């Protein structure tokens, strides 16, 4: 049978839920051309390449 809503304090309730909402670190990869770290499956901001092709011109 369920526990009445006010029997469980908000602190106890929130402690129970705390592990559910942890954020994970995004997948960081090294650019094969320049070696800078960037997010996976995105254009490198340092050199402007994606999958070995020049996508944007970086000055």
Protein backbone atom coordinates (compact mmCIF):
# COMPACT_ATOMS: atom_id res chain seq x y z
CA UNK A 1 0.00 0.00 0.00
CA UNK A 2 1.22 3.52 -0.79
CA UNK A 3 2.51 5.92 1.84
CA UNK A 4 0.48 9.10 2.39
CA UNK A 5 2.02 12.08 0.56
CA UNK A 6 2.95 14.15 3.64
CA UNK A 7 4.57 11.23 5.52
CA UNK A 8 7.75 11.61 3.44
CA UNK A 9 9.63 14.88 3.99
CA UNK A 10 10.83 16.89 1.01
CA UNK A 11 14.47 16.39 2.04
CA UNK A 12 14.08 12.61 2.10
CA UNK A 13 12.19 12.66 -1.19
CA UNK A 14 14.84 14.82 -2.86
CA UNK A 15 17.68 12.66 -1.53
CA UNK A 16 16.07 9.65 -3.16
CA UNK A 17 15.75 11.44 -6.49
CA UNK A 18 19.19 13.03 -6.53
CA UNK A 19 20.99 10.35 -8.57
CA UNK A 20 18.43 10.34 -11.35
CA UNK A 21 19.25 13.80 -12.68
CA UNK A 22 23.04 13.68 -12.85
CA UNK A 23 24.42 15.03 -16.09
CA UNK A 24 27.09 13.08 -17.91
CA UNK A 25 30.10 14.60 -19.57
CA UNK A 26 29.61 14.95 -23.34
CA UNK A 27 31.77 12.81 -25.60
CA UNK A 28 34.94 14.76 -26.34
CA UNK A 29 37.19 13.63 -29.19
CA UNK A 30 40.51 14.83 -30.59
CA UNK A 31 40.49 16.38 -34.04
CA UNK A 32 42.64 14.19 -36.32
CA UNK A 33 43.98 17.26 -38.18
CA UNK A 34 44.86 19.77 -35.43
CA UNK A 35 44.56 17.74 -32.21
CA UNK A 36 42.10 20.08 -30.48
CA UNK A 37 39.36 18.56 -28.31
CA UNK A 38 35.80 19.10 -29.54
CA UNK A 39 32.35 17.52 -29.25
CA UNK A 40 31.86 14.33 -31.23
CA UNK A 41 30.12 14.57 -34.63
CA UNK A 42 30.64 18.33 -34.92
CA UNK A 43 32.87 20.63 -36.95
CA UNK A 44 36.20 21.43 -35.30
CA UNK A 45 36.23 25.10 -34.27
CA UNK A 46 40.00 25.35 -34.44
CA UNK A 47 40.56 24.20 -38.03
CA UNK A 48 37.03 23.94 -39.51
CA UNK A 49 37.20 20.31 -40.65
CA UNK A 50 34.68 17.50 -40.33
CA UNK A 51 35.41 13.90 -41.36
CA UNK A 52 38.63 15.02 -43.04
CA UNK A 53 36.95 17.66 -45.23
CA UNK A 54 37.27 21.44 -44.93
CA UNK A 55 33.77 22.63 -44.06
CA UNK A 56 34.28 26.22 -42.86
CA UNK A 57 37.13 28.66 -43.34
CA UNK A 58 38.74 29.62 -40.03
CA UNK A 59 41.06 32.64 -39.93
